[in-house]
C-alpha cells in the first residue's frame, strides 16, 4: 500500500574486480563490502524498482541484461510486475544500459 522512499526501492547495483575472488569495488573505488556499489539501473519515469536481474549472451545483440520491474501506470502488485531487458553498452570497462 506504500512505496519505499525514493532511492530506497530495488535497483540494480554493480561492482567489479580484477580477480574472480575480489576485492570488488564500485566506480569510485569503494568496496562493495563497505556499502559500495554503482547504479546500473534504477527507477525512472514509470519504471519502478528494477531487480531480479541476470545477463545472457544474444548471438546478434551481445550481452543483454534482463530484470523484472513495476510499471507505475499498470500497478505495483506482485502480479503486475513486468519483464524488461536492455543491451549492455560499455565505457571504461563499466556496463551501462
Protein backbone atom coordinates (compact mmCIF):
# COMPACT_ATOMS: atom_id res chain seq x y z
CA UNK A 1 0.00 0.00 0.00
CA UNK A 2 3.03 2.29 0.35
CA UNK A 3 6.26 2.55 -1.60
CA UNK A 4 9.74 2.85 -0.10
CA UNK A 5 11.22 6.33 -0.06
CA UNK A 6 12.69 7.46 -3.37
CA UNK A 7 16.09 5.82 -3.76
CA UNK A 8 15.28 3.05 -1.27
CA UNK A 9 13.41 0.85 -3.76
CA UNK A 10 15.00 -2.02 -5.70
CA UNK A 11 17.72 -1.03 -8.13
CA UNK A 12 20.50 -2.87 -9.92
CA UNK A 13 23.93 -2.11 -8.50
CA UNK A 14 27.36 -3.19 -9.72
CA UNK A 15 30.96 -3.61 -8.62
CA UNK A 16 33.96 -5.15 -10.34
CA UNK A 17 37.32 -6.72 -9.57
CA UNK A 18 40.46 -7.74 -11.42
CA UNK A 19 40.07 -11.18 -9.82
CA UNK A 20 37.09 -13.53 -9.50
CA UNK A 21 37.82 -13.73 -5.78
CA UNK A 22 37.83 -9.96 -5.15
CA UNK A 23 38.13 -7.44 -3.88
CA UNK A 24 35.15 -5.81 -5.60
CA UNK A 25 34.78 -2.04 -5.81
CA UNK A 26 32.40 0.48 -7.36
CA UNK A 27 33.24 3.26 -9.85
CA UNK A 28 34.58 5.40 -7.00
CA UNK A 29 36.80 2.63 -5.64
CA UNK A 30 34.59 1.97 -2.60
CA UNK A 31 34.47 -1.68 -1.54
CA UNK A 32 31.16 -3.45 -2.11
CA UNK A 33 31.56 -5.00 1.33
CA UNK A 34 31.52 -1.46 2.78
CA UNK A 35 28.19 -0.40 1.22
CA UNK A 36 29.81 0.45 -2.12
CA UNK A 37 28.16 -0.12 -5.47
CA UNK A 38 27.41 1.93 -8.56
CA UNK A 39 23.91 2.10 -10.02
CA UNK A 40 23.40 0.24 -13.30
CA UNK A 41 19.62 0.62 -13.49
CA UNK A 42 17.18 2.33 -11.13
CA UNK A 43 13.63 3.68 -11.12
CA UNK A 44 12.94 6.27 -13.80
CA UNK A 45 9.77 7.57 -15.39
CA UNK A 46 7.10 4.88 -14.97
CA UNK A 47 9.74 2.12 -14.49
CA UNK A 48 9.79 1.30 -10.78
CA UNK A 49 12.11 -0.94 -8.77
CA UNK A 50 14.02 -2.94 -11.39
CA UNK A 51 15.72 -6.03 -9.96
CA UNK A 52 15.97 -9.81 -10.01
CA UNK A 53 18.43 -9.44 -12.84
CA UNK A 54 20.66 -11.67 -14.90
CA UNK A 55 22.75 -11.43 -18.05
CA UNK A 56 22.78 -13.62 -21.14
CA UNK A 57 24.63 -13.53 -24.46
CA UNK A 58 22.49 -12.95 -27.55
CA UNK A 59 24.11 -14.06 -30.81
CA UNK A 60 23.29 -10.75 -32.53
CA UNK A 61 22.95 -8.21 -29.72
CA UNK A 62 25.79 -9.27 -27.40
CA UNK A 63 25.32 -9.14 -23.63
CA UNK A 64 21.74 -8.49 -22.53
CA UNK A 65 20.61 -7.51 -19.02
CA UNK A 66 17.18 -8.88 -18.05
CA UNK A 67 15.14 -7.98 -14.97
CA UNK A 68 11.66 -7.53 -13.53
CA UNK A 69 10.10 -4.17 -12.77
CA UNK A 70 6.81 -2.49 -11.98
CA UNK A 71 5.20 -0.06 -14.39
CA UNK A 72 3.56 2.56 -12.19
CA UNK A 73 0.91 3.08 -14.88
CA UNK A 74 -0.08 -0.61 -14.57
CA UNK A 75 0.24 -1.25 -10.82
CA UNK A 76 2.66 -2.28 -8.09
CA UNK A 77 1.15 -5.65 -7.09
CA UNK A 78 3.25 -8.80 -7.44
CA UNK A 79 1.09 -9.97 -10.34
CA UNK A 80 1.65 -6.69 -12.18
CA UNK A 81 5.43 -6.94 -12.46
CA UNK A 82 6.82 -6.99 -15.99
CA UNK A 83 9.92 -8.40 -17.69
CA UNK A 84 12.44 -5.95 -19.12
CA UNK A 85 15.71 -6.19 -20.95
CA UNK A 86 18.42 -3.88 -22.23
CA UNK A 87 21.52 -4.47 -24.33
CA UNK A 88 24.60 -3.65 -22.27
CA UNK A 89 26.97 -0.97 -23.56
CA UNK A 90 30.47 -0.47 -22.19
CA UNK A 91 32.54 2.58 -21.25
CA UNK A 92 35.88 2.42 -19.41
CA UNK A 93 35.18 -1.23 -18.56
CA UNK A 94 31.79 -0.50 -16.91
CA UNK A 95 28.42 -1.57 -18.31
CA UNK A 96 25.55 0.81 -18.91
CA UNK A 97 22.05 0.48 -20.36
